[in-house]
Amino acid sequence: MKEKDLIKGKYYLTSYPDQGDYIFLCKQDGSGLDSTWIRTNDSYNTFKSNGGNLTQNNGFKKYRLATPEECEHLEQCIQADKYVDYKKEELPKEWAIKVTEKNRAIISKARLLYGTYKNVLSGSIKDLWIINNKNSSIIGSSTSNGYTEITDDQFKRLVLKENNMKKKIIGYKCPTDLFKGRIRKGEIFTERSTKDFVMYHKDHMTSGVPLEIVESWEPVYEEEFKAGDYVLANGDAGAGGWSEQIVKLYSMKDNPGNYLGGKMKETANFKALLKSGYCYNIVQSNIIRKATPEEIRKAQEIKIDKYTVDYPGNGIAKIGCNEYTIDQIESLLSLMNSPNSSVNAIRVEGGIIVTKEQIQEIFDKFN
């Protein structure tokens, strides 16, 4: 990937000739400026917090997402505030964790995986421990049994395998029909009450479920979006008020369509090209999900008058009953783009008007 593809808060690896690899935490979307990084080299291991300019202008050409181990190494250096050798974190053979009001939801998730202790979401949790014994069996206990006590964070990362550097959880998937079928199995709870103890489905804000129960359901993670993606998005929260639709994302440096400024220009993550031809700034919270293959196919369709441009093969584009070869379209574009040309549209058989922009779009789809 290129520097413009970097996302704030993500961990990446890049390299510089003769200096080794740099693992870094991105601090700005689309930029390697002011990164926190470690340089891994047998003769010169380095840690730098806030200030590393790992940019393409400084000679860093290629980037990739860091592996979980690389992420963990950088995190260990951040915690130590200096370079330290990577040490893979492992659980002790015999460990214990005390069940509390704070952690009972995450401990319940492990029950769904291992199923060897009672449901900790209901009933008394006084003097309740979850232990892993010498036989590697996770069971309930009234004491720690003298085993090494682990933290909630270690339990999430090492028992549930939830790395804190993974994607953000944006909701939880309902495991069954609720409230006489008003909420169906698989629908997602994303909204929280003011005091953060109940969660709701966004279309049923009067039907809440206690947070500790919802957090035991299957989590739904925030998707990673990039320029070029087709997504389902909307223009809520100051993004222009346009209705929910499939749009194509562009970087903030691009200028597709007819640009319109929006209230979120300074904080936007992407530009979105709407089916109307207008382009708006949007933030990630305006994006609902990635488009399905069928939605992408429909979004990429080229509409001219009442016809959808068809591509039957062999370098041919078809508008209604009219067929045009790629060579004919390329020649027409060359003519329309010539310095002395004032032609911006043509009329084809059947009286259909085709603009220069539409002809360019038809030609681009061949490639």
Protein backbone atom coordinates (compact mmCIF):
# COMPACT_ATOMS: atom_id res chain seq x y z
CA MET A 1 0.00 0.00 0.00
CA LYS A 2 0.97 3.67 -0.39
CA GLU A 3 1.27 6.38 2.25
CA LYS A 4 -2.11 7.82 1.24
CA ASP A 5 -3.77 4.54 2.31
CA LEU A 6 -2.57 4.72 5.95
CA ILE A 7 -5.29 4.95 8.62
CA LYS A 8 -4.88 6.75 11.92
CA GLY A 9 -4.59 4.37 14.87
CA LYS A 10 -3.46 1.35 12.81
CA TYR A 11 -0.10 -0.40 13.05
CA TYR A 12 2.09 -0.75 9.94
CA LEU A 13 5.52 -1.89 8.81
CA THR A 14 7.73 -0.04 6.35
CA SER A 15 11.44 -0.17 5.59
CA TYR A 16 14.30 2.07 4.53
CA PRO A 17 17.33 0.91 2.50
CA ASP A 18 20.19 -0.32 4.72
CA GLN A 19 18.31 0.58 7.93
CA GLY A 20 15.95 -2.35 8.46
CA ASP A 21 12.24 -2.45 9.20
CA TYR A 22 10.19 0.18 11.01
CA ILE A 23 7.05 -0.87 12.90
CA PHE A 24 4.94 2.22 13.55
CA LEU A 25 1.65 3.53 14.88
CA CYS A 26 0.02 5.88 12.35
CA LYS A 27 -1.03 9.22 13.89
CA GLN A 28 -2.61 10.89 10.83
CA ASP A 29 -4.81 9.50 8.05
CA GLY A 30 -2.81 9.23 4.83
CA SER A 31 0.47 10.26 6.42
CA GLY A 32 3.56 8.80 8.10
CA LEU A 33 4.23 12.07 9.93
CA ASP A 34 4.73 12.16 13.73
CA SER A 35 4.57 8.37 14.04
CA THR A 36 5.50 6.33 17.09
CA TRP A 37 7.91 3.66 15.87
CA ILE A 38 10.53 1.05 16.56
CA ARG A 39 13.33 0.18 14.19
CA THR A 40 14.32 -3.47 14.27
CA ASN A 41 17.91 -4.01 13.24
CA ASP A 42 20.46 -6.33 14.84
CA SER A 43 22.98 -3.53 15.31
CA TYR A 44 20.70 -0.54 15.91
CA ASN A 45 17.35 -1.12 17.66
CA THR A 46 15.52 2.14 18.31
CA PHE A 47 12.25 3.41 19.82
CA LYS A 48 10.87 6.86 19.13
CA SER A 49 7.60 8.21 20.48
CA ASN A 50 5.85 10.92 18.47
CA GLY A 51 8.04 12.48 15.83
CA GLY A 52 9.08 9.84 13.34
CA ASN A 53 8.46 11.05 9.78
CA LEU A 54 8.14 7.77 7.90
CA THR A 55 6.92 9.45 4.72
CA GLN A 56 7.38 8.72 1.05
CA ASN A 57 9.13 12.08 0.69
CA ASN A 58 11.72 10.78 3.18
CA GLY A 59 12.36 7.64 1.15
CA PHE A 60 9.84 5.18 2.62
CA LYS A 61 8.12 3.69 -0.41
CA LYS A 62 6.00 0.71 0.62
CA TYR A 63 3.79 -0.03 3.63
CA ARG A 64 1.84 -3.02 4.92
CA LEU A 65 -0.29 -3.80 7.97
CA ALA A 66 1.79 -5.06 10.89
CA THR A 67 1.33 -8.65 12.06
CA PRO A 68 -0.14 -9.31 15.56
CA GLU A 69 3.39 -10.07 16.83
CA GLU A 70 4.75 -6.83 15.35
CA CYS A 71 1.89 -4.88 16.92
CA GLU A 72 2.57 -6.52 20.27
CA HIS A 73 6.29 -5.71 20.05
CA LEU A 74 5.59 -2.02 19.47
CA GLU A 75 3.05 -2.02 22.32
CA GLN A 76 5.66 -3.51 24.67
CA CYS A 77 8.09 -0.71 23.74
CA ILE A 78 5.39 1.94 24.23
CA GLN A 79 4.64 0.56 27.69
CA ALA A 80 8.35 0.53 28.60
CA ASP A 81 8.91 3.93 26.91
CA LYS A 82 12.07 2.51 25.36
CA TYR A 83 13.17 -0.22 22.98
CA VAL A 84 12.82 -3.70 24.48
CA ASP A 85 13.26 -7.08 22.85
CA TYR A 86 10.02 -8.75 21.88
CA LYS A 87 8.74 -11.28 24.38
CA LYS A 88 5.74 -13.34 23.38
CA GLU A 89 3.17 -13.12 26.14
CA GLU A 90 1.78 -16.43 27.32
CA LEU A 91 -0.57 -17.51 30.08
CA PRO A 92 0.81 -19.43 33.06
CA LYS A 93 -0.11 -23.12 32.99
CA GLU A 94 -2.31 -22.66 36.03
CA TRP A 95 -4.19 -19.36 36.20
CA ALA A 96 -7.25 -17.89 37.91
CA ILE A 97 -9.47 -14.83 37.52
CA LYS A 98 -12.01 -13.47 40.02
CA VAL A 99 -15.49 -12.91 38.56
CA THR A 100 -16.64 -9.32 39.16
CA GLU A 101 -19.48 -7.09 37.99
CA LYS A 102 -17.00 -5.42 35.65
CA ASN A 103 -15.72 -8.56 33.94
CA ARG A 104 -18.65 -11.00 34.11
CA ALA A 105 -19.69 -10.18 30.52
CA ILE A 106 -16.27 -11.01 29.04
CA ILE A 107 -16.00 -14.15 31.17
CA SER A 108 -19.40 -15.20 29.85
CA LYS A 109 -17.98 -15.05 26.32
CA ALA A 110 -15.43 -17.71 27.26
CA ARG A 111 -18.26 -19.90 28.57
CA LEU A 112 -19.74 -19.86 25.05
CA LEU A 113 -16.39 -21.22 23.79
CA TYR A 114 -15.56 -23.72 26.53
CA GLY A 115 -18.90 -24.39 28.25
CA THR A 116 -17.44 -25.84 31.44
CA TYR A 117 -18.80 -23.46 34.05
CA LYS A 118 -22.10 -21.88 34.96
CA ASN A 119 -23.65 -18.81 33.39
CA VAL A 120 -22.02 -15.88 35.21
CA LEU A 121 -24.48 -13.31 33.82
CA SER A 122 -27.15 -14.30 36.32
CA GLY A 123 -27.17 -15.22 39.98
CA SER A 124 -24.60 -14.54 42.67
CA ILE A 125 -20.93 -14.21 41.72
CA LYS A 126 -19.71 -13.92 45.30
CA ASP A 127 -16.53 -15.97 45.79
CA LEU A 128 -16.67 -17.15 42.19
CA TRP A 129 -13.44 -17.76 40.31
CA ILE A 130 -12.68 -19.16 36.88
CA ILE A 131 -9.52 -21.26 36.90
CA ASN A 132 -7.43 -23.18 34.40
CA ASN A 133 -5.97 -26.28 36.05
CA LYS A 134 -3.03 -28.53 35.17
CA ASN A 135 -5.28 -30.49 32.81
CA SER A 136 -5.98 -27.28 30.83
CA SER A 137 -9.64 -27.35 31.81
CA ILE A 138 -11.36 -24.00 32.37
CA ILE A 139 -13.78 -24.50 35.24
CA GLY A 140 -15.57 -22.62 38.02
CA SER A 141 -14.20 -22.56 41.56
CA SER A 142 -14.91 -20.98 44.94
CA THR A 143 -11.20 -20.06 45.37
CA SER A 144 -8.21 -19.21 43.21
CA ASN A 145 -6.74 -22.56 44.21
CA GLY A 146 -3.42 -20.80 44.66
CA TYR A 147 -3.05 -20.30 40.91
CA THR A 148 -1.52 -17.18 39.33
CA GLU A 149 -4.16 -14.46 39.08
CA ILE A 150 -4.49 -12.84 35.65
CA THR A 151 -6.01 -9.47 34.73
CA ASP A 152 -9.18 -8.77 32.73
CA ASP A 153 -7.02 -7.52 29.86
CA GLN A 154 -4.95 -10.74 29.83
CA PHE A 155 -8.16 -12.76 29.86
CA LYS A 156 -9.46 -10.90 26.79
CA ARG A 157 -6.22 -11.12 24.85
CA LEU A 158 -4.92 -14.55 25.80
CA VAL A 159 -8.04 -16.58 26.60
CA LEU A 160 -10.59 -15.01 24.26
CA LYS A 161 -7.83 -14.15 21.76
CA GLU A 162 -9.18 -10.60 21.51
CA ASN A 163 -6.24 -8.41 20.57
CA ASN A 164 -6.77 -4.83 21.69
CA MET A 165 -5.27 -3.68 18.41
CA LYS A 166 -7.98 -5.31 16.32
CA LYS A 167 -11.00 -3.56 14.87
CA LYS A 168 -13.35 -1.53 17.00
CA ILE A 169 -16.56 -3.27 18.15
CA ILE A 170 -19.56 -1.30 16.83
CA GLY A 171 -22.37 -3.60 17.98
CA TYR A 172 -23.53 -7.09 18.89
CA LYS A 173 -25.52 -9.62 16.86
CA CYS A 174 -28.78 -10.77 18.42
CA PRO A 175 -28.68 -14.59 18.86
CA THR A 176 -32.47 -15.17 18.71
CA ASP A 177 -35.80 -13.49 17.99
CA LEU A 178 -36.79 -11.03 20.73
CA PHE A 179 -39.85 -9.05 21.80
CA LYS A 180 -42.39 -11.24 19.97
CA GLY A 181 -40.42 -11.07 16.73
CA ARG A 182 -39.98 -7.28 16.58
CA ILE A 183 -36.24 -7.93 16.60
CA ARG A 184 -35.05 -10.88 14.54
CA LYS A 185 -32.14 -13.24 15.03
CA GLY A 186 -28.99 -11.73 13.48
CA GLU A 187 -30.07 -8.09 13.79
CA ILE A 188 -27.46 -5.83 15.41
CA PHE A 189 -27.69 -3.84 18.64
CA THR A 190 -25.62 -0.66 18.30
CA GLU A 191 -27.27 2.00 20.49
CA ARG A 192 -26.57 2.55 24.19
CA SER A 193 -28.65 4.19 26.90
CA THR A 194 -27.50 7.49 28.39
CA LYS A 195 -26.09 5.78 31.49
CA ASP A 196 -24.61 2.95 29.42
CA PHE A 197 -26.40 0.01 31.07
CA VAL A 198 -28.86 -0.93 28.30
CA MET A 199 -28.38 -1.45 24.55
CA TYR A 200 -30.92 -1.14 21.74
CA HIS A 201 -31.48 -1.96 18.10
CA LYS A 202 -31.58 1.42 16.31
CA ASP A 203 -35.11 0.80 14.95
CA HIS A 204 -36.52 -0.32 18.32
CA MET A 205 -35.34 2.20 20.89
CA THR A 206 -38.07 1.22 23.38
CA SER A 207 -36.89 -2.41 23.57
CA GLY A 208 -33.64 -2.48 25.51
CA VAL A 209 -31.52 -5.39 26.72
CA PRO A 210 -29.08 -5.10 29.67
CA LEU A 211 -25.55 -4.30 28.52
CA GLU A 212 -24.00 -7.28 30.34
CA ILE A 213 -26.20 -9.64 28.31
CA VAL A 214 -25.67 -7.92 24.96
CA GLU A 215 -21.90 -7.94 25.44
CA SER A 216 -22.01 -11.74 25.68
CA TRP A 217 -23.37 -11.93 22.11
CA GLU A 218 -21.24 -12.18 18.96
CA PRO A 219 -19.47 -8.83 18.42
CA VAL A 220 -19.68 -6.92 15.14
CA TYR A 221 -16.48 -5.12 14.22
CA GLU A 222 -15.98 -1.84 12.43
CA GLU A 223 -14.97 -2.51 8.85
CA GLU A 224 -11.89 -0.99 7.32
CA PHE A 225 -12.77 1.30 4.43
CA LYS A 226 -10.49 2.74 1.79
CA ALA A 227 -10.70 4.91 -1.30
CA GLY A 228 -12.21 2.93 -4.17
CA ASP A 229 -14.65 0.98 -1.98
CA TYR A 230 -18.37 0.95 -2.70
CA VAL A 231 -20.32 1.36 0.55
CA LEU A 232 -23.80 1.92 1.91
CA ALA A 233 -23.74 5.39 3.49
CA ASN A 234 -25.91 8.40 4.26
CA GLY A 235 -25.67 12.15 4.64
CA ASP A 236 -26.75 12.42 8.26
CA ALA A 237 -24.98 14.52 10.90
CA GLY A 238 -24.16 17.51 8.71
CA ALA A 239 -22.96 15.62 5.63
CA GLY A 240 -25.52 17.20 3.33
CA GLY A 241 -28.69 15.33 4.26
CA TRP A 242 -28.63 12.94 1.29
CA SER A 243 -30.52 9.68 1.59
CA GLU A 244 -29.02 6.27 2.33
CA GLN A 245 -27.49 4.87 -0.87
CA ILE A 246 -24.56 2.99 -2.39
CA VAL A 247 -21.67 5.40 -3.03
CA LYS A 248 -18.07 5.13 -4.14
CA LEU A 249 -15.39 6.43 -1.75
CA TYR A 250 -12.56 8.70 -2.87
CA SER A 251 -9.59 10.09 -0.98
CA MET A 252 -9.73 13.67 0.23
CA LYS A 253 -7.23 14.58 -2.49
CA ASP A 254 -9.56 13.46 -5.30
CA ASN A 255 -12.18 15.67 -6.95
CA PRO A 256 -14.77 13.44 -8.61
CA GLY A 257 -18.15 14.69 -9.82
CA ASN A 258 -19.48 18.15 -8.99
CA TYR A 259 -17.87 19.01 -5.66
CA LEU A 260 -20.00 20.52 -2.93
CA GLY A 261 -18.51 21.66 0.36
CA GLY A 262 -19.98 20.24 3.55
CA LYS A 263 -19.97 21.08 7.24
CA MET A 264 -17.48 18.31 7.93
CA LYS A 265 -14.81 19.35 5.43
CA GLU A 266 -12.04 19.63 8.03
CA THR A 267 -12.73 16.31 9.74
CA ALA A 268 -13.91 14.15 6.83
CA ASN A 269 -12.30 10.79 6.09
CA PHE A 270 -13.46 10.43 2.49
CA LYS A 271 -15.29 12.04 -0.37
CA ALA A 272 -18.37 10.15 -1.56
CA LEU A 273 -19.61 10.31 -5.15
CA LEU A 274 -23.40 10.10 -5.14
CA LYS A 275 -25.55 8.70 -7.94
CA SER A 276 -26.68 12.30 -8.61
CA GLY A 277 -23.11 13.13 -9.69
CA TYR A 278 -22.51 15.37 -6.67
CA CYS A 279 -19.60 14.75 -4.30
CA TYR A 280 -19.79 15.21 -0.52
CA ASN A 281 -17.31 14.98 2.34
CA ILE A 282 -18.21 12.24 4.83
CA VAL A 283 -16.77 10.84 8.05
CA GLN A 284 -16.51 7.14 8.85
CA SER A 285 -19.63 7.28 11.02
CA ASN A 286 -21.69 8.01 7.89
CA ILE A 287 -20.66 4.65 6.44
CA ILE A 288 -22.97 1.78 7.37
CA ARG A 289 -21.23 -1.16 5.65
CA LYS A 290 -19.49 -2.31 2.50
CA ALA A 291 -21.69 -2.89 -0.53
CA THR A 292 -22.55 -6.40 -1.64
CA PRO A 293 -21.29 -7.65 -5.07
CA GLU A 294 -24.81 -7.20 -6.48
CA GLU A 295 -25.05 -3.65 -5.12
CA ILE A 296 -21.64 -2.84 -6.62
CA ARG A 297 -22.71 -4.22 -10.01
CA LYS A 298 -25.82 -2.04 -10.00
CA ALA A 299 -23.86 1.03 -8.84
CA GLN A 300 -21.42 0.58 -11.71
CA GLU A 301 -24.18 0.43 -14.32
CA ILE A 302 -24.13 3.32 -16.77
CA LYS A 303 -27.60 4.75 -17.45
CA ILE A 304 -28.28 6.74 -20.59
CA ASP A 305 -31.84 7.91 -21.11
CA LYS A 306 -33.98 4.83 -20.42
CA TYR A 307 -31.21 2.38 -21.31
CA THR A 308 -28.49 0.64 -19.30
CA VAL A 309 -25.24 0.34 -21.25
CA ASP A 310 -24.53 -3.34 -21.89
CA TYR A 311 -21.16 -4.98 -22.60
CA PRO A 312 -21.89 -8.23 -24.52
CA GLY A 313 -18.17 -8.87 -25.13
CA ASN A 314 -15.69 -8.61 -28.01
CA GLY A 315 -15.00 -4.95 -27.23
CA ILE A 316 -18.56 -3.80 -27.83
CA ALA A 317 -20.79 -1.43 -25.84
CA LYS A 318 -24.52 -1.56 -26.49
CA ILE A 319 -27.02 1.28 -25.91
CA GLY A 320 -30.52 0.04 -26.67
CA CYS A 321 -30.28 -1.58 -30.11
CA ASN A 322 -27.11 0.36 -31.02
CA GLU A 323 -23.69 -1.28 -30.80
CA TYR A 324 -20.36 0.57 -30.73
CA THR A 325 -16.84 -0.87 -30.76
CA ILE A 326 -14.15 0.29 -28.37
CA ASP A 327 -12.22 1.70 -31.36
CA GLN A 328 -15.21 3.81 -32.41
CA ILE A 329 -15.64 5.14 -28.87
CA GLU A 330 -11.92 5.93 -28.54
CA SER A 331 -11.92 7.78 -31.87
CA LEU A 332 -14.99 9.78 -30.82
CA LEU A 333 -13.33 10.76 -27.55
CA SER A 334 -10.17 11.85 -29.35
CA LEU A 335 -12.27 14.07 -31.59
CA MET A 336 -14.25 15.57 -28.70
CA ASN A 337 -11.08 16.19 -26.64
CA SER A 338 -9.15 17.85 -29.47
CA PRO A 339 -8.15 21.49 -28.76
CA ASN A 340 -10.48 23.04 -31.33
CA SER A 341 -13.50 20.84 -30.63
CA SER A 342 -16.64 22.36 -29.16
CA VAL A 343 -18.60 19.08 -29.22
CA ASN A 344 -19.75 18.08 -25.72
CA ALA A 345 -22.46 15.59 -26.68
CA ILE A 346 -23.72 13.55 -29.61
CA ARG A 347 -27.12 12.28 -30.70
CA VAL A 348 -27.17 8.58 -31.55
CA GLU A 349 -29.77 6.47 -33.32
CA GLY A 350 -33.17 6.82 -31.67
CA GLY A 351 -32.53 10.44 -30.69
CA ILE A 352 -30.62 9.56 -27.53
CA ILE A 353 -28.24 12.28 -26.31
CA VAL A 354 -24.90 10.99 -24.97
CA THR A 355 -22.58 13.47 -23.23
CA LYS A 356 -18.79 13.50 -23.45
CA GLU A 357 -18.61 12.51 -19.78
CA GLN A 358 -20.87 9.50 -20.44
CA ILE A 359 -18.77 8.45 -23.42
CA GLN A 360 -15.64 8.65 -21.26
CA GLU A 361 -17.37 6.54 -18.60
CA ILE A 362 -18.35 3.93 -21.22
CA PHE A 363 -14.76 3.81 -22.49
CA ASP A 364 -13.24 3.58 -18.99
CA LYS A 365 -15.36 0.54 -18.19
CA PHE A 366 -13.65 -1.42 -20.96
CA ASN A 367 -10.40 -1.20 -18.94
